[in-house]
């Protein structure tokens, strides 16, 4: 995922398999190196964090008005209900908010 995030930062084309969302999710699901941390959703359901992290790369490219908030929501879900505040604290420090 790091190369895809770097490409986003540089406004470069995303490298395969991150040039296609379905292909990226399929590849990550088969990769034994993909972390399998489970988090608890606010509604009580469990989820694998990497799915939200990978999806945020594609949602970041959307330009619809409220769609731009989706990467932040997905990033918070990636951190999980017990650690999302760490993400927000880091964003505040990084962007001097």
C-alpha atoms as a PDB file:
ATOM      1  CA  UNK A   1       0.000   0.000   0.000  1.00  0.00           C
ATOM      2  CA  UNK A   2       2.911   2.344   0.601  1.00  0.00           C
ATOM      3  CA  UNK A   3       3.667   2.771  -3.145  1.00  0.00           C
ATOM      4  CA  UNK A   4       0.005   3.631  -3.799  1.00  0.00           C
ATOM      5  CA  UNK A   5       0.008   6.254  -1.030  1.00  0.00           C
ATOM      6  CA  UNK A   6       3.249   7.740  -2.378  1.00  0.00           C
ATOM      7  CA  UNK A   7       1.710   7.942  -5.850  1.00  0.00           C
ATOM      8  CA  UNK A   8      -1.329   9.741  -4.401  1.00  0.00           C
ATOM      9  CA  UNK A   9       0.930  12.250  -2.648  1.00  0.00           C
ATOM     10  CA  UNK A  10       2.830  12.935  -5.861  1.00  0.00           C
ATOM     11  CA  UNK A  11      -0.327  12.943  -8.020  1.00  0.00           C
ATOM     12  CA  UNK A  12       1.174  10.087 -10.037  1.00  0.00           C
ATOM     13  CA  UNK A  13      -0.741   7.124 -11.434  1.00  0.00           C
ATOM     14  CA  UNK A  14      -1.178   4.379  -8.858  1.00  0.00           C
ATOM     15  CA  UNK A  15       0.971   1.302  -9.419  1.00  0.00           C
ATOM     16  CA  UNK A  16      -0.597  -2.104 -10.024  1.00  0.00           C
ATOM     17  CA  UNK A  17      -2.565  -3.595  -8.390  1.00  0.00           C
ATOM     18  CA  UNK A  18      -3.778  -0.261  -6.968  1.00  0.00           C
ATOM     19  CA  UNK A  19      -4.816   0.970 -10.392  1.00  0.00           C
ATOM     20  CA  UNK A  20      -7.953  -1.164  -9.959  1.00  0.00           C
ATOM     21  CA  UNK A  21      -9.858  -1.439  -6.671  1.00  0.00           C
ATOM     22  CA  UNK A  22     -11.183  -4.984  -7.158  1.00  0.00           C
ATOM     23  CA  UNK A  23      -7.733  -6.247  -8.193  1.00  0.00           C
ATOM     24  CA  UNK A  24      -6.074  -4.515  -5.225  1.00  0.00           C
ATOM     25  CA  UNK A  25      -8.535  -5.961  -2.710  1.00  0.00           C
ATOM     26  CA  UNK A  26      -8.180  -9.433  -4.233  1.00  0.00           C
ATOM     27  CA  UNK A  27      -4.373  -9.238  -4.133  1.00  0.00           C
ATOM     28  CA  UNK A  28      -4.325  -8.039  -0.520  1.00  0.00           C
ATOM     29  CA  UNK A  29      -6.754 -10.768   0.525  1.00  0.00           C
ATOM     30  CA  UNK A  30      -4.382 -13.444  -0.840  1.00  0.00           C
ATOM     31  CA  UNK A  31      -1.112 -11.905   0.367  1.00  0.00           C
ATOM     32  CA  UNK A  32       0.145 -13.663   3.520  1.00  0.00           C
ATOM     33  CA  UNK A  33       2.003 -10.449   4.443  1.00  0.00           C
ATOM     34  CA  UNK A  34      -1.241  -8.446   4.696  1.00  0.00           C
ATOM     35  CA  UNK A  35      -1.902  -7.697   8.387  1.00  0.00           C
ATOM     36  CA  UNK A  36      -5.068  -9.318   9.658  1.00  0.00           C
ATOM     37  CA  UNK A  37      -5.894  -7.077  12.628  1.00  0.00           C
ATOM     38  CA  UNK A  38      -9.535  -7.247  13.575  1.00  0.00           C
ATOM     39  CA  UNK A  39     -11.314  -4.212  15.011  1.00  0.00           C
ATOM     40  CA  UNK A  40     -14.732  -3.762  16.480  1.00  0.00           C
ATOM     41  CA  UNK A  41     -17.072  -1.490  14.557  1.00  0.00           C
ATOM     42  CA  UNK A  42     -19.238   0.935  16.545  1.00  0.00           C
ATOM     43  CA  UNK A  43     -22.241  -1.276  15.743  1.00  0.00           C
ATOM     44  CA  UNK A  44     -20.529  -4.277  17.360  1.00  0.00           C
ATOM     45  CA  UNK A  45     -19.473  -6.067  14.152  1.00  0.00           C
ATOM     46  CA  UNK A  46     -15.869  -7.113  13.632  1.00  0.00           C
ATOM     47  CA  UNK A  47     -13.916  -6.152  10.521  1.00  0.00           C
ATOM     48  CA  UNK A  48     -10.438  -6.575   9.075  1.00  0.00           C
ATOM     49  CA  UNK A  49      -8.698  -3.207   9.189  1.00  0.00           C
ATOM     50  CA  UNK A  50      -6.790  -3.454   5.905  1.00  0.00           C
ATOM     51  CA  UNK A  51     -10.029  -3.449   3.908  1.00  0.00           C
ATOM     52  CA  UNK A  52     -10.818   0.082   5.120  1.00  0.00           C
ATOM     53  CA  UNK A  53      -7.225   1.201   4.629  1.00  0.00           C
ATOM     54  CA  UNK A  54      -7.108  -0.059   1.042  1.00  0.00           C
ATOM     55  CA  UNK A  55     -10.528   1.374   0.222  1.00  0.00           C
ATOM     56  CA  UNK A  56      -9.456   4.799   1.471  1.00  0.00           C
ATOM     57  CA  UNK A  57      -6.910   5.011  -1.366  1.00  0.00           C
ATOM     58  CA  UNK A  58      -9.721   4.812  -3.909  1.00  0.00           C
ATOM     59  CA  UNK A  59     -12.132   7.038  -2.003  1.00  0.00           C
ATOM     60  CA  UNK A  60      -9.430   9.737  -1.833  1.00  0.00           C
ATOM     61  CA  UNK A  61      -9.695  10.097  -5.597  1.00  0.00           C
ATOM     62  CA  UNK A  62     -13.388  10.907  -5.555  1.00  0.00           C
ATOM     63  CA  UNK A  63     -14.283  14.547  -5.971  1.00  0.00           C
ATOM     64  CA  UNK A  64     -17.938  14.568  -4.957  1.00  0.00           C
ATOM     65  CA  UNK A  65     -18.574  17.099  -2.202  1.00  0.00           C
ATOM     66  CA  UNK A  66     -18.937  14.864   0.850  1.00  0.00           C
ATOM     67  CA  UNK A  67     -17.013  11.963  -0.672  1.00  0.00           C
ATOM     68  CA  UNK A  68     -13.829  13.768   0.302  1.00  0.00           C
ATOM     69  CA  UNK A  69     -14.626  12.967   3.953  1.00  0.00           C
ATOM     70  CA  UNK A  70     -14.786   9.260   3.232  1.00  0.00           C
ATOM     71  CA  UNK A  71     -10.994   8.684   3.361  1.00  0.00           C
ATOM     72  CA  UNK A  72     -10.936  10.224   6.842  1.00  0.00           C
ATOM     73  CA  UNK A  73     -13.803   8.010   7.992  1.00  0.00           C
ATOM     74  CA  UNK A  74     -12.109   4.939   6.525  1.00  0.00           C
ATOM     75  CA  UNK A  75      -8.821   5.881   8.170  1.00  0.00           C
ATOM     76  CA  UNK A  76     -10.596   6.219  11.527  1.00  0.00           C
ATOM     77  CA  UNK A  77     -12.190   2.797  11.011  1.00  0.00           C
ATOM     78  CA  UNK A  78      -8.764   1.380  10.198  1.00  0.00           C
ATOM     79  CA  UNK A  79      -7.542   2.577  13.593  1.00  0.00           C
ATOM     80  CA  UNK A  80     -10.544   0.966  15.261  1.00  0.00           C
ATOM     81  CA  UNK A  81     -12.968   2.189  17.881  1.00  0.00           C
ATOM     82  CA  UNK A  82     -10.338   2.118  20.602  1.00  0.00           C
ATOM     83  CA  UNK A  83      -7.572   3.985  18.718  1.00  0.00           C
ATOM     84  CA  UNK A  84      -9.219   6.389  16.250  1.00  0.00           C
ATOM     85  CA  UNK A  85      -8.450   9.315  18.570  1.00  0.00           C
ATOM     86  CA  UNK A  86      -4.736   8.675  17.984  1.00  0.00           C
ATOM     87  CA  UNK A  87      -5.312   9.331  14.279  1.00  0.00           C
ATOM     88  CA  UNK A  88      -7.132  12.580  14.961  1.00  0.00           C
ATOM     89  CA  UNK A  89      -4.405  13.700  17.391  1.00  0.00           C
ATOM     90  CA  UNK A  90      -1.748  12.984  14.762  1.00  0.00           C
ATOM     91  CA  UNK A  91      -3.707  14.895  12.110  1.00  0.00           C
ATOM     92  CA  UNK A  92      -4.012  17.873  14.454  1.00  0.00           C
ATOM     93  CA  UNK A  93      -0.243  17.834  15.067  1.00  0.00           C
ATOM     94  CA  UNK A  94       0.630  17.339  11.405  1.00  0.00           C
ATOM     95  CA  UNK A  95      -1.658  20.081  10.109  1.00  0.00           C
ATOM     96  CA  UNK A  96      -1.362  22.389  13.120  1.00  0.00           C
ATOM     97  CA  UNK A  97      -5.099  22.280  13.831  1.00  0.00           C
END
